[in-house]
Amino acid sequence: MTDNSGSKAALDPGKAFKLKELVPYADGTVISRTLKKDQSGTLTVFAFAEGESLSEHKAPFDAFVQVLDGEGEIVVDGKPVAVTEGEIILMPANITHAVNARKPFKMLLMMIRG
């Protein structure tokens, strides 16, 4: 996975952005860009090439995925859920989850630590 967040500010304040345009698709990989990361949580945009995935894991905090483009599959506690553009899904804290790209797929991951 490639993180293109760099060390400068992730977004220019006071400027509008289209989330799905913040990360490009790239064959055979997952690209991510961290928009915000602090003690309260993180906002990260991901672009998955078709067939790419994030393997099953747990996080100590609730996380929400908002689908920005394409088709994916979110597996929560062993149960796969097909997701498409415009949908949102909760991945509860301390429950296993995984992400699979059925087609090229972009998402916003919102992790809330509080």
PDB file of N, CA and C in Angstrom:
ATOM      1  N   MET A   1       0.848  -1.161   0.000  1.00  0.00           N
ATOM      2  CA  MET A   1       0.000   0.000   0.000  1.00  0.00           C
ATOM      3  C   MET A   1       0.899   1.230   0.000  1.00  0.00           C
ATOM      4  N   THR A   2       0.512   2.231  -0.757  1.00  0.00           N
ATOM      5  CA  THR A   2       1.272   3.467  -0.852  1.00  0.00           C
ATOM      6  C   THR A   2       0.517   4.571  -0.146  1.00  0.00           C
ATOM      7  N   ASP A   3       1.199   5.337   0.694  1.00  0.00           N
ATOM      8  CA  ASP A   3       0.581   6.476   1.364  1.00  0.00           C
ATOM      9  C   ASP A   3       1.172   7.738   0.775  1.00  0.00           C
ATOM     10  N   ASN A   4       0.327   8.543   0.160  1.00  0.00           N
ATOM     11  CA  ASN A   4       0.780   9.764  -0.493  1.00  0.00           C
ATOM     12  C   ASN A   4       0.534  11.000   0.359  1.00  0.00           C
ATOM     13  N   SER A   5       0.401  10.834   1.675  1.00  0.00           N
ATOM     14  CA  SER A   5       0.053  11.980   2.512  1.00  0.00           C
ATOM     15  C   SER A   5       1.190  12.975   2.653  1.00  0.00           C
ATOM     16  N   GLY A   6       2.426  12.523   2.591  1.00  0.00           N
ATOM     17  CA  GLY A   6       3.559  13.432   2.713  1.00  0.00           C
ATOM     18  C   GLY A   6       3.590  14.099   4.075  1.00  0.00           C
ATOM     19  N   SER A   7       4.459  15.099   4.246  1.00  0.00           N
ATOM     20  CA  SER A   7       4.593  15.734   5.546  1.00  0.00           C
ATOM     21  C   SER A   7       3.904  17.092   5.609  1.00  0.00           C
ATOM     22  N   LYS A   8       3.477  17.664   4.495  1.00  0.00           N
ATOM     23  CA  LYS A   8       2.788  18.948   4.533  1.00  0.00           C
ATOM     24  C   LYS A   8       1.305  18.743   4.838  1.00  0.00           C
ATOM     25  N   ALA A   9       0.587  19.836   5.017  1.00  0.00           N
ATOM     26  CA  ALA A   9      -0.848  19.747   5.296  1.00  0.00           C
ATOM     27  C   ALA A   9      -1.534  18.919   4.220  1.00  0.00           C
ATOM     28  N   ALA A  10      -2.436  18.031   4.643  1.00  0.00           N
ATOM     29  CA  ALA A  10      -3.088  17.114   3.715  1.00  0.00           C
ATOM     30  C   ALA A  10      -4.044  17.833   2.765  1.00  0.00           C
ATOM     31  N   LEU A  11      -4.702  18.887   3.238  1.00  0.00           N
ATOM     32  CA  LEU A  11      -5.649  19.646   2.418  1.00  0.00           C
ATOM     33  C   LEU A  11      -5.483  21.130   2.718  1.00  0.00           C
ATOM     34  N   ASP A  12      -5.655  21.943   1.712  1.00  0.00           N
ATOM     35  CA  ASP A  12      -5.624  23.390   1.917  1.00  0.00           C
ATOM     36  C   ASP A  12      -6.911  23.821   2.607  1.00  0.00           C
ATOM     37  N   PRO A  13      -6.804  24.512   3.746  1.00  0.00           N
ATOM     38  CA  PRO A  13      -8.011  24.967   4.445  1.00  0.00           C
ATOM     39  C   PRO A  13      -8.833  25.923   3.577  1.00  0.00           C
ATOM     40  N   GLY A  14     -10.153  25.821   3.704  1.00  0.00           N
ATOM     41  CA  GLY A  14     -11.043  26.729   2.995  1.00  0.00           C
ATOM     42  C   GLY A  14     -11.187  26.455   1.522  1.00  0.00           C
ATOM     43  N   LYS A  15     -10.718  25.307   1.060  1.00  0.00           N
ATOM     44  CA  LYS A  15     -10.823  24.937  -0.347  1.00  0.00           C
ATOM     45  C   LYS A  15     -11.659  23.662  -0.458  1.00  0.00           C
ATOM     46  N   ALA A  16     -12.537  23.610  -1.448  1.00  0.00           N
ATOM     47  CA  ALA A  16     -13.381  22.427  -1.656  1.00  0.00           C
ATOM     48  C   ALA A  16     -12.653  21.383  -2.504  1.00  0.00           C
ATOM     49  N   PHE A  17     -12.872  20.134  -2.182  1.00  0.00           N
ATOM     50  CA  PHE A  17     -12.258  19.018  -2.897  1.00  0.00           C
ATOM     51  C   PHE A  17     -13.305  17.951  -3.179  1.00  0.00           C
ATOM     52  N   LYS A  18     -13.125  17.220  -4.245  1.00  0.00           N
ATOM     53  CA  LYS A  18     -13.922  16.024  -4.513  1.00  0.00           C
ATOM     54  C   LYS A  18     -13.121  14.857  -3.959  1.00  0.00           C
ATOM     55  N   LEU A  19     -13.673  14.203  -2.938  1.00  0.00           N
ATOM     56  CA  LEU A  19     -12.937  13.137  -2.253  1.00  0.00           C
ATOM     57  C   LEU A  19     -12.401  12.081  -3.210  1.00  0.00           C
ATOM     58  N   LYS A  20     -13.232  11.635  -4.154  1.00  0.00           N
ATOM     59  CA  LYS A  20     -12.792  10.539  -5.018  1.00  0.00           C
ATOM     60  C   LYS A  20     -11.695  10.944  -5.994  1.00  0.00           C
ATOM     61  N   GLU A  21     -11.412  12.247  -6.086  1.00  0.00           N
ATOM     62  CA  GLU A  21     -10.324  12.700  -6.953  1.00  0.00           C
ATOM     63  C   GLU A  21      -9.016  12.899  -6.189  1.00  0.00           C
ATOM     64  N   LEU A  22      -9.016  12.661  -4.882  1.00  0.00           N
ATOM     65  CA  LEU A  22      -7.811  12.887  -4.079  1.00  0.00           C
ATOM     66  C   LEU A  22      -6.790  11.753  -4.171  1.00  0.00           C
ATOM     67  N   VAL A  23      -7.219  10.581  -4.644  1.00  0.00           N
ATOM     68  CA  VAL A  23      -6.291   9.464  -4.857  1.00  0.00           C
ATOM     69  C   VAL A  23      -6.582   8.837  -6.220  1.00  0.00           C
ATOM     70  N   PRO A  24      -5.533   8.510  -6.965  1.00  0.00           N
ATOM     71  CA  PRO A  24      -5.737   7.876  -8.264  1.00  0.00           C
ATOM     72  C   PRO A  24      -5.805   6.355  -8.125  1.00  0.00           C
ATOM     73  N   TYR A  25      -6.349   5.716  -9.129  1.00  0.00           N
ATOM     74  CA  TYR A  25      -6.238   4.266  -9.229  1.00  0.00           C
ATOM     75  C   TYR A  25      -4.870   3.918  -9.813  1.00  0.00           C
ATOM     76  N   ALA A  26      -4.316   2.792  -9.399  1.00  0.00           N
ATOM     77  CA  ALA A  26      -3.069   2.287  -9.968  1.00  0.00           C
ATOM     78  C   ALA A  26      -3.171   0.765 -10.010  1.00  0.00           C
ATOM     79  N   ASP A  27      -2.872   0.182 -11.164  1.00  0.00           N
ATOM     80  CA  ASP A  27      -2.979  -1.265 -11.338  1.00  0.00           C
ATOM     81  C   ASP A  27      -2.194  -2.016 -10.267  1.00  0.00           C
ATOM     82  N   GLY A  28      -2.838  -3.039  -9.701  1.00  0.00           N
ATOM     83  CA  GLY A  28      -2.164  -3.957  -8.802  1.00  0.00           C
ATOM     84  C   GLY A  28      -1.809  -3.414  -7.431  1.00  0.00           C
ATOM     85  N   THR A  29      -2.453  -2.331  -7.000  1.00  0.00           N
ATOM     86  CA  THR A  29      -2.060  -1.771  -5.709  1.00  0.00           C
ATOM     87  C   THR A  29      -3.227  -1.065  -5.012  1.00  0.00           C
ATOM     88  N   VAL A  30      -2.975  -0.713  -3.765  1.00  0.00           N
ATOM     89  CA  VAL A  30      -3.877   0.115  -2.969  1.00  0.00           C
ATOM     90  C   VAL A  30      -3.118   1.401  -2.674  1.00  0.00           C
ATOM     91  N   ILE A  31      -3.742   2.528  -2.948  1.00  0.00           N
ATOM     92  CA  ILE A  31      -3.133   3.826  -2.655  1.00  0.00           C
ATOM     93  C   ILE A  31      -3.967   4.505  -1.587  1.00  0.00           C
ATOM     94  N   SER A  32      -3.294   5.111  -0.609  1.00  0.00           N
ATOM     95  CA  SER A  32      -4.017   5.827   0.434  1.00  0.00           C
ATOM     96  C   SER A  32      -3.452   7.230   0.588  1.00  0.00           C
ATOM     97  N   ARG A  33      -4.300   8.110   1.106  1.00  0.00           N
ATOM     98  CA  ARG A  33      -3.883   9.480   1.407  1.00  0.00           C
ATOM     99  C   ARG A  33      -4.552   9.890   2.715  1.00  0.00           C
ATOM    100  N   THR A  34      -3.748  10.150   3.715  1.00  0.00           N
ATOM    101  CA  THR A  34      -4.266  10.570   5.006  1.00  0.00           C
ATOM    102  C   THR A  34      -4.602  12.057   4.950  1.00  0.00           C
ATOM    103  N   LEU A  35      -5.850  12.384   5.262  1.00  0.00           N
ATOM    104  CA  LEU A  35      -6.311  13.766   5.227  1.00  0.00           C
ATOM    105  C   LEU A  35      -6.191  14.437   6.584  1.00  0.00           C
ATOM    106  N   LYS A  36      -6.373  13.658   7.646  1.00  0.00           N
ATOM    107  CA  LYS A  36      -6.325  14.199   9.002  1.00  0.00           C
ATOM    108  C   LYS A  36      -5.965  13.065   9.943  1.00  0.00           C
ATOM    109  N   LYS A  37      -5.033  13.335  10.852  1.00  0.00           N
ATOM    110  CA  LYS A  37      -4.659  12.333  11.849  1.00  0.00           C
ATOM    111  C   LYS A  37      -4.251  13.075  13.108  1.00  0.00           C
ATOM    112  N   ASP A  38      -5.002  12.829  14.197  1.00  0.00           N
ATOM    113  CA  ASP A  38      -4.654  13.398  15.490  1.00  0.00           C
ATOM    114  C   ASP A  38      -5.246  12.514  16.580  1.00  0.00           C
ATOM    115  N   GLN A  39      -5.235  12.995  17.820  1.00  0.00           N
ATOM    116  CA  GLN A  39      -5.696  12.185  18.941  1.00  0.00           C
ATOM    117  C   GLN A  39      -7.174  11.822  18.844  1.00  0.00           C
ATOM    118  N   SER A  40      -7.966  12.562  18.063  1.00  0.00           N
ATOM    119  CA  SER A  40      -9.393  12.271  17.956  1.00  0.00           C
ATOM    120  C   SER A  40      -9.711  11.213  16.899  1.00  0.00           C
ATOM    121  N   GLY A  41      -8.794  10.995  15.946  1.00  0.00           N
ATOM    122  CA  GLY A  41      -9.027   9.986  14.929  1.00  0.00           C
ATOM    123  C   GLY A  41      -8.305  10.279  13.633  1.00  0.00           C
ATOM    124  N   THR A  42      -8.697   9.565  12.588  1.00  0.00           N
ATOM    125  CA  THR A  42      -8.076   9.739  11.276  1.00  0.00           C
ATOM    126  C   THR A  42      -9.128   9.760  10.178  1.00  0.00           C
ATOM    127  N   LEU A  43      -8.803  10.462   9.103  1.00  0.00           N
ATOM    128  CA  LEU A  43      -9.560  10.438   7.853  1.00  0.00           C
ATOM    129  C   LEU A  43      -8.584  10.051   6.762  1.00  0.00           C
ATOM    130  N   THR A  44      -8.855   8.970   6.067  1.00  0.00           N
ATOM    131  CA  THR A  44      -7.959   8.482   5.030  1.00  0.00           C
ATOM    132  C   THR A  44      -8.770   8.077   3.812  1.00  0.00           C
ATOM    133  N   VAL A  45      -8.338   8.518   2.632  1.00  0.00           N
ATOM    134  CA  VAL A  45      -8.963   8.133   1.377  1.00  0.00           C
ATOM    135  C   VAL A  45      -8.132   7.013   0.760  1.00  0.00           C
ATOM    136  N   PHE A  46      -8.805   5.970   0.275  1.00  0.00           N
ATOM    137  CA  PHE A  46      -8.147   4.821  -0.339  1.00  0.00           C
ATOM    138  C   PHE A  46      -8.649   4.623  -1.767  1.00  0.00           C
ATOM    139  N   ALA A  47      -7.754   4.158  -2.642  1.00  0.00           N
ATOM    140  CA  ALA A  47      -8.118   3.705  -3.987  1.00  0.00           C
ATOM    141  C   ALA A  47      -7.560   2.290  -4.153  1.00  0.00           C
ATOM    142  N   PHE A  48      -8.434   1.342  -4.424  1.00  0.00           N
ATOM    143  CA  PHE A  48      -8.065  -0.061  -4.592  1.00  0.00           C
ATOM    144  C   PHE A  48      -8.171  -0.445  -6.064  1.00  0.00           C
ATOM    145  N   ALA A  49      -7.151  -1.045  -6.605  1.00  0.00           N
ATOM    146  CA  ALA A  49      -7.272  -1.657  -7.924  1.00  0.00           C
ATOM    147  C   ALA A  49      -8.176  -2.885  -7.779  1.00  0.00           C
ATOM    148  N   GLU A  50      -8.816  -3.264  -8.864  1.00  0.00           N
ATOM    149  CA  GLU A  50      -9.681  -4.453  -8.839  1.00  0.00           C
ATOM    150  C   GLU A  50      -8.910  -5.650  -8.296  1.00  0.00           C
ATOM    151  N   GLY A  51      -9.526  -6.365  -7.349  1.00  0.00           N
ATOM    152  CA  GLY A  51      -8.920  -7.562  -6.779  1.00  0.00           C
ATOM    153  C   GLY A  51      -8.013  -7.310  -5.591  1.00  0.00           C
ATOM    154  N   GLU A  52      -7.711  -6.053  -5.287  1.00  0.00           N
ATOM    155  CA  GLU A  52      -6.857  -5.741  -4.144  1.00  0.00           C
ATOM    156  C   GLU A  52      -7.681  -5.744  -2.865  1.00  0.00           C
ATOM    157  N   SER A  53      -6.997  -5.809  -1.706  1.00  0.00           N
ATOM    158  CA  SER A  53      -7.730  -5.895  -0.449  1.00  0.00           C
ATOM    159  C   SER A  53      -6.892  -5.410   0.730  1.00  0.00           C
ATOM    160  N   LEU A  54      -7.564  -5.216   1.842  1.00  0.00           N
ATOM    161  CA  LEU A  54      -6.936  -5.053   3.149  1.00  0.00           C
ATOM    162  C   LEU A  54      -7.340  -6.294   3.927  1.00  0.00           C
ATOM    163  N   SER A  55      -6.373  -7.047   4.404  1.00  0.00           N
ATOM    164  CA  SER A  55      -6.662  -8.314   5.053  1.00  0.00           C
ATOM    165  C   SER A  55      -7.402  -8.117   6.378  1.00  0.00           C
ATOM    166  N   GLU A  56      -7.995  -9.190   6.828  1.00  0.00           N
ATOM    167  CA  GLU A  56      -8.786  -9.161   8.051  1.00  0.00           C
ATOM    168  C   GLU A  56      -7.927  -8.702   9.231  1.00  0.00           C
ATOM    169  N   HIS A  57      -8.485  -7.777  10.011  1.00  0.00           N
ATOM    170  CA  HIS A  57      -7.795  -7.252  11.185  1.00  0.00           C
ATOM    171  C   HIS A  57      -8.825  -6.630  12.125  1.00  0.00           C
ATOM    172  N   LYS A  58      -8.370  -6.210  13.296  1.00  0.00           N
ATOM    173  CA  LYS A  58      -9.211  -5.513  14.263  1.00  0.00           C
ATOM    174  C   LYS A  58      -8.604  -4.140  14.518  1.00  0.00           C
ATOM    175  N   ALA A  59      -9.444  -3.207  14.924  1.00  0.00           N
ATOM    176  CA  ALA A  59      -8.987  -1.887  15.345  1.00  0.00           C
ATOM    177  C   ALA A  59      -9.619  -1.590  16.706  1.00  0.00           C
ATOM    178  N   PRO A  60      -8.918  -0.855  17.549  1.00  0.00           N
ATOM    179  CA  PRO A  60      -9.446  -0.580  18.884  1.00  0.00           C
ATOM    180  C   PRO A  60     -10.524   0.506  18.920  1.00  0.00           C
ATOM    181  N   PHE A  61     -10.878   1.055  17.755  1.00  0.00           N
ATOM    182  CA  PHE A  61     -11.845   2.147  17.679  1.00  0.00           C
ATOM    183  C   PHE A  61     -12.868   1.864  16.584  1.00  0.00           C
ATOM    184  N   ASP A  62     -14.051   2.468  16.707  1.00  0.00           N
ATOM    185  CA  ASP A  62     -15.042   2.383  15.637  1.00  0.00           C
ATOM    186  C   ASP A  62     -14.490   3.034  14.376  1.00  0.00           C
ATOM    187  N   ALA A  63     -14.842   2.471  13.233  1.00  0.00           N
ATOM    188  CA  ALA A  63     -14.450   3.038  11.950  1.00  0.00           C
ATOM    189  C   ALA A  63     -15.649   2.984  11.010  1.00  0.00           C
ATOM    190  N   PHE A  64     -15.769   4.028  10.212  1.00  0.00           N
ATOM    191  CA  PHE A  64     -16.823   4.097   9.204  1.00  0.00           C
ATOM    192  C   PHE A  64     -16.162   4.142   7.837  1.00  0.00           C
ATOM    193  N   VAL A  65     -16.751   3.436   6.875  1.00  0.00           N
ATOM    194  CA  VAL A  65     -16.312   3.513   5.489  1.00  0.00           C
ATOM    195  C   VAL A  65     -17.439   4.139   4.686  1.00  0.00           C
ATOM    196  N   GLN A  66     -17.096   5.183   3.937  1.00  0.00           N
ATOM    197  CA  GLN A  66     -18.021   5.777   2.968  1.00  0.00           C
ATOM    198  C   GLN A  66     -17.477   5.452   1.593  1.00  0.00           C
ATOM    199  N   VAL A  67     -18.286   4.781   0.775  1.00  0.00           N
ATOM    200  CA  VAL A  67     -17.860   4.382  -0.562  1.00  0.00           C
ATOM    201  C   VAL A  67     -17.962   5.586  -1.499  1.00  0.00           C
ATOM    202  N   LEU A  68     -16.857   5.899  -2.155  1.00  0.00           N
ATOM    203  CA  LEU A  68     -16.781   7.061  -3.043  1.00  0.00           C
ATOM    204  C   LEU A  68     -16.928   6.702  -4.508  1.00  0.00           C
ATOM    205  N   ASP A  69     -16.540   5.473  -4.873  1.00  0.00           N
ATOM    206  CA  ASP A  69     -16.536   5.067  -6.277  1.00  0.00           C
ATOM    207  C   ASP A  69     -16.404   3.557  -6.356  1.00  0.00           C
ATOM    208  N   GLY A  70     -16.961   2.962  -7.382  1.00  0.00           N
ATOM    209  CA  GLY A  70     -16.757   1.541  -7.651  1.00  0.00           C
ATOM    210  C   GLY A  70     -17.583   0.617  -6.789  1.00  0.00           C
ATOM    211  N   GLU A  71     -17.109  -0.631  -6.709  1.00  0.00           N
ATOM    212  CA  GLU A  71     -17.802  -1.672  -5.952  1.00  0.00           C
ATOM    213  C   GLU A  71     -16.808  -2.416  -5.085  1.00  0.00           C
ATOM    214  N   GLY A  72     -17.193  -2.588  -3.827  1.00  0.00           N
ATOM    215  CA  GLY A  72     -16.334  -3.307  -2.907  1.00  0.00           C
ATOM    216  C   GLY A  72     -17.120  -4.279  -2.068  1.00  0.00           C
ATOM    217  N   GLU A  73     -16.384  -4.937  -1.212  1.00  0.00           N
ATOM    218  CA  GLU A  73     -16.978  -5.848  -0.250  1.00  0.00           C
ATOM    219  C   GLU A  73     -16.300  -5.564   1.085  1.00  0.00           C
ATOM    220  N   ILE A  74     -17.115  -5.275   2.084  1.00  0.00           N
ATOM    221  CA  ILE A  74     -16.615  -5.070   3.433  1.00  0.00           C
ATOM    222  C   ILE A  74     -17.040  -6.299   4.235  1.00  0.00           C
ATOM    223  N   VAL A  75     -16.094  -6.933   4.878  1.00  0.00           N
ATOM    224  CA  VAL A  75     -16.385  -8.107   5.690  1.00  0.00           C
ATOM    225  C   VAL A  75     -16.293  -7.677   7.154  1.00  0.00           C
ATOM    226  N   VAL A  76     -17.408  -7.782   7.881  1.00  0.00           N
ATOM    227  CA  VAL A  76     -17.450  -7.406   9.292  1.00  0.00           C
ATOM    228  C   VAL A  76     -17.849  -8.641  10.088  1.00  0.00           C
ATOM    229  N   ASP A  77     -16.962  -9.064  10.979  1.00  0.00           N
ATOM    230  CA  ASP A  77     -17.212 -10.238  11.819  1.00  0.00           C
ATOM    231  C   ASP A  77     -17.548 -11.466  10.972  1.00  0.00           C
ATOM    232  N   GLY A  78     -16.832 -11.616   9.859  1.00  0.00           N
ATOM    233  CA  GLY A  78     -16.999 -12.769   8.984  1.00  0.00           C
ATOM    234  C   GLY A  78     -18.154 -12.678   8.001  1.00  0.00           C
ATOM    235  N   LYS A  79     -18.919 -11.592   8.038  1.00  0.00           N
ATOM    236  CA  LYS A  79     -20.087 -11.442   7.169  1.00  0.00           C
ATOM    237  C   LYS A  79     -19.787 -10.443   6.052  1.00  0.00           C
ATOM    238  N   PRO A  80     -19.749 -10.890   4.786  1.00  0.00           N
ATOM    239  CA  PRO A  80     -19.482  -9.979   3.676  1.00  0.00           C
ATOM    240  C   PRO A  80     -20.698  -9.122   3.328  1.00  0.00           C
ATOM    241  N   VAL A  81     -20.429  -7.852   3.047  1.00  0.00           N
ATOM    242  CA  VAL A  81     -21.480  -6.918   2.641  1.00  0.00           C
ATOM    243  C   VAL A  81     -21.014  -6.227   1.368  1.00  0.00           C
ATOM    244  N   ALA A  82     -21.791  -6.354   0.288  1.00  0.00           N
ATOM    245  CA  ALA A  82     -21.474  -5.660  -0.960  1.00  0.00           C
ATOM    246  C   ALA A  82     -21.808  -4.190  -0.784  1.00  0.00           C
ATOM    247  N   VAL A  83     -20.877  -3.313  -1.206  1.00  0.00           N
ATOM    248  CA  VAL A  83     -21.077  -1.871  -1.068  1.00  0.00           C
ATOM    249  C   VAL A  83     -20.768  -1.175  -2.389  1.00  0.00           C
ATOM    250  N   THR A  84     -21.497  -0.077  -2.639  1.00  0.00           N
ATOM    251  CA  THR A  84     -21.292   0.716  -3.848  1.00  0.00           C
ATOM    252  C   THR A  84     -21.303   2.197  -3.494  1.00  0.00           C
ATOM    253  N   GLU A  85     -20.995   3.017  -4.487  1.00  0.00           N
ATOM    254  CA  GLU A  85     -20.896   4.462  -4.316  1.00  0.00           C
ATOM    255  C   GLU A  85     -22.090   5.037  -3.553  1.00  0.00           C
ATOM    256  N   GLY A  86     -21.771   5.874  -2.551  1.00  0.00           N
ATOM    257  CA  GLY A  86     -22.797   6.548  -1.774  1.00  0.00           C
ATOM    258  C   GLY A  86     -23.184   5.835  -0.494  1.00  0.00           C
ATOM    259  N   GLU A  87     -22.756   4.592  -0.319  1.00  0.00           N
ATOM    260  CA  GLU A  87     -23.124   3.846   0.877  1.00  0.00           C
ATOM    261  C   GLU A  87     -22.070   4.029   1.972  1.00  0.00           C
ATOM    262  N   ILE A  88     -22.501   3.813   3.218  1.00  0.00           N
ATOM    263  CA  ILE A  88     -21.620   3.907   4.375  1.00  0.00           C
ATOM    264  C   ILE A  88     -21.842   2.668   5.230  1.00  0.00           C
ATOM    265  N   ILE A  89     -20.784   2.210   5.900  1.00  0.00           N
ATOM    266  CA  ILE A  89     -20.889   1.033   6.755  1.00  0.00           C
ATOM    267  C   ILE A  89     -20.013   1.236   7.987  1.00  0.00           C
ATOM    268  N   LEU A  90     -20.495   0.759   9.123  1.00  0.00           N
ATOM    269  CA  LEU A  90     -19.772   0.831  10.386  1.00  0.00           C
ATOM    270  C   LEU A  90     -18.982  -0.452  10.600  1.00  0.00           C
ATOM    271  N   MET A  91     -17.732  -0.293  10.977  1.00  0.00           N
ATOM    272  CA  MET A  91     -16.893  -1.416  11.396  1.00  0.00           C
ATOM    273  C   MET A  91     -16.614  -1.178  12.883  1.00  0.00           C
ATOM    274  N   PRO A  92     -17.326  -1.891  13.787  1.00  0.00           N
ATOM    275  CA  PRO A  92     -17.194  -1.631  15.213  1.00  0.00           C
ATOM    276  C   PRO A  92     -15.803  -1.951  15.760  1.00  0.00           C
ATOM    277  N   ALA A  93     -15.455  -1.269  16.838  1.00  0.00           N
ATOM    278  CA  ALA A  93     -14.188  -1.501  17.519  1.00  0.00           C
ATOM    279  C   ALA A  93     -14.068  -2.957  17.953  1.00  0.00           C
ATOM    280  N   ASN A  94     -12.857  -3.491  17.844  1.00  0.00           N
ATOM    281  CA  ASN A  94     -12.502  -4.832  18.332  1.00  0.00           C
ATOM    282  C   ASN A  94     -13.249  -5.971  17.651  1.00  0.00           C
ATOM    283  N   ILE A  95     -13.819  -5.716  16.475  1.00  0.00           N
ATOM    284  CA  ILE A  95     -14.471  -6.748  15.656  1.00  0.00           C
ATOM    285  C   ILE A  95     -13.658  -6.874  14.370  1.00  0.00           C
ATOM    286  N   THR A  96     -13.395  -8.100  13.935  1.00  0.00           N
ATOM    287  CA  THR A  96     -12.601  -8.273  12.723  1.00  0.00           C
ATOM    288  C   THR A  96     -13.334  -7.695  11.515  1.00  0.00           C
ATOM    289  N   HIS A  97     -12.524  -7.136  10.614  1.00  0.00           N
ATOM    290  CA  HIS A  97     -13.065  -6.611   9.361  1.00  0.00           C
ATOM    291  C   HIS A  97     -11.994  -6.671   8.285  1.00  0.00           C
ATOM    292  N   ALA A  98     -12.444  -6.631   7.029  1.00  0.00           N
ATOM    293  CA  ALA A  98     -11.556  -6.662   5.873  1.00  0.00           C
ATOM    294  C   ALA A  98     -12.232  -5.892   4.750  1.00  0.00           C
ATOM    295  N   VAL A  99     -11.440  -5.494   3.761  1.00  0.00           N
ATOM    296  CA  VAL A  99     -11.957  -4.753   2.612  1.00  0.00           C
ATOM    297  C   VAL A  99     -11.461  -5.434   1.347  1.00  0.00           C
ATOM    298  N   ASN A 100     -12.363  -5.690   0.401  1.00  0.00           N
ATOM    299  CA  ASN A 100     -12.022  -6.321  -0.880  1.00  0.00           C
ATOM    300  C   ASN A 100     -12.602  -5.494  -2.020  1.00  0.00           C
ATOM    301  N   ALA A 101     -11.805  -5.278  -3.050  1.00  0.00           N
ATOM    302  CA  ALA A 101     -12.271  -4.520  -4.217  1.00  0.00           C
ATOM    303  C   ALA A 101     -12.780  -5.483  -5.280  1.00  0.00           C
ATOM    304  N   ARG A 102     -14.089  -5.499  -5.495  1.00  0.00           N
ATOM    305  CA  ARG A 102     -14.677  -6.327  -6.552  1.00  0.00           C
ATOM    306  C   ARG A 102     -14.358  -5.738  -7.921  1.00  0.00           C
ATOM    307  N   LYS A 103     -14.346  -4.419  -7.978  1.00  0.00           N
ATOM    308  CA  LYS A 103     -13.983  -3.629  -9.155  1.00  0.00           C
ATOM    309  C   LYS A 103     -13.103  -2.514  -8.611  1.00  0.00           C
ATOM    310  N   PRO A 104     -12.516  -1.667  -9.438  1.00  0.00           N
ATOM    311  CA  PRO A 104     -11.795  -0.527  -8.868  1.00  0.00           C
ATOM    312  C   PRO A 104     -12.733   0.187  -7.883  1.00  0.00           C
ATOM    313  N   PHE A 105     -12.187   0.573  -6.734  1.00  0.00           N
ATOM    314  CA  PHE A 105     -13.006   0.947  -5.590  1.00  0.00           C
ATOM    315  C   PHE A 105     -12.297   2.028  -4.783  1.00  0.00           C
ATOM    316  N   LYS A 106     -13.025   3.102  -4.454  1.00  0.00           N
ATOM    317  CA  LYS A 106     -12.471   4.160  -3.605  1.00  0.00           C
ATOM    318  C   LYS A 106     -13.359   4.339  -2.384  1.00  0.00           C
ATOM    319  N   MET A 107     -12.710   4.640  -1.245  1.00  0.00           N
ATOM    320  CA  MET A 107     -13.464   4.814  -0.011  1.00  0.00           C
ATOM    321  C   MET A 107     -12.791   5.841   0.886  1.00  0.00           C
ATOM    322  N   LEU A 108     -13.594   6.426   1.759  1.00  0.00           N
ATOM    323  CA  LEU A 108     -13.103   7.279   2.837  1.00  0.00           C
ATOM    324  C   LEU A 108     -13.232   6.479   4.121  1.00  0.00           C
ATOM    325  N   LEU A 109     -12.125   6.308   4.835  1.00  0.00           N
ATOM    326  CA  LEU A 109     -12.122   5.626   6.129  1.00  0.00           C
ATOM    327  C   LEU A 109     -12.067   6.697   7.216  1.00  0.00           C
ATOM    328  N   MET A 110     -13.062   6.666   8.105  1.00  0.00           N
ATOM    329  CA  MET A 110     -13.141   7.612   9.217  1.00  0.00           C
ATOM    330  C   MET A 110     -13.026   6.823  10.510  1.00  0.00           C
ATOM    331  N   MET A 111     -11.888   6.956  11.187  1.00  0.00           N
ATOM    332  CA  MET A 111     -11.682   6.257  12.450  1.00  0.00           C
ATOM    333  C   MET A 111     -11.829   7.272  13.580  1.00  0.00           C
ATOM    334  N   ILE A 112     -12.695   6.933  14.529  1.00  0.00           N
ATOM    335  CA  ILE A 112     -13.001   7.830  15.637  1.00  0.00           C
ATOM    336  C   ILE A 112     -12.445   7.216  16.917  1.00  0.00           C
ATOM    337  N   ARG A 113     -11.532   7.934  17.541  1.00  0.00           N
ATOM    338  CA  ARG A 113     -10.862   7.399  18.731  1.00  0.00           C
ATOM    339  C   ARG A 113     -11.537   7.788  20.037  1.00  0.00           C
ATOM    340  N   GLY A 114     -12.494   8.677  19.995  1.00  0.00           N
ATOM    341  CA  GLY A 114     -13.112   9.154  21.234  1.00  0.00           C
ATOM    342  C   GLY A 114     -14.404   8.454  21.551  1.00  0.00           C
TER     343      GLY A 114
END
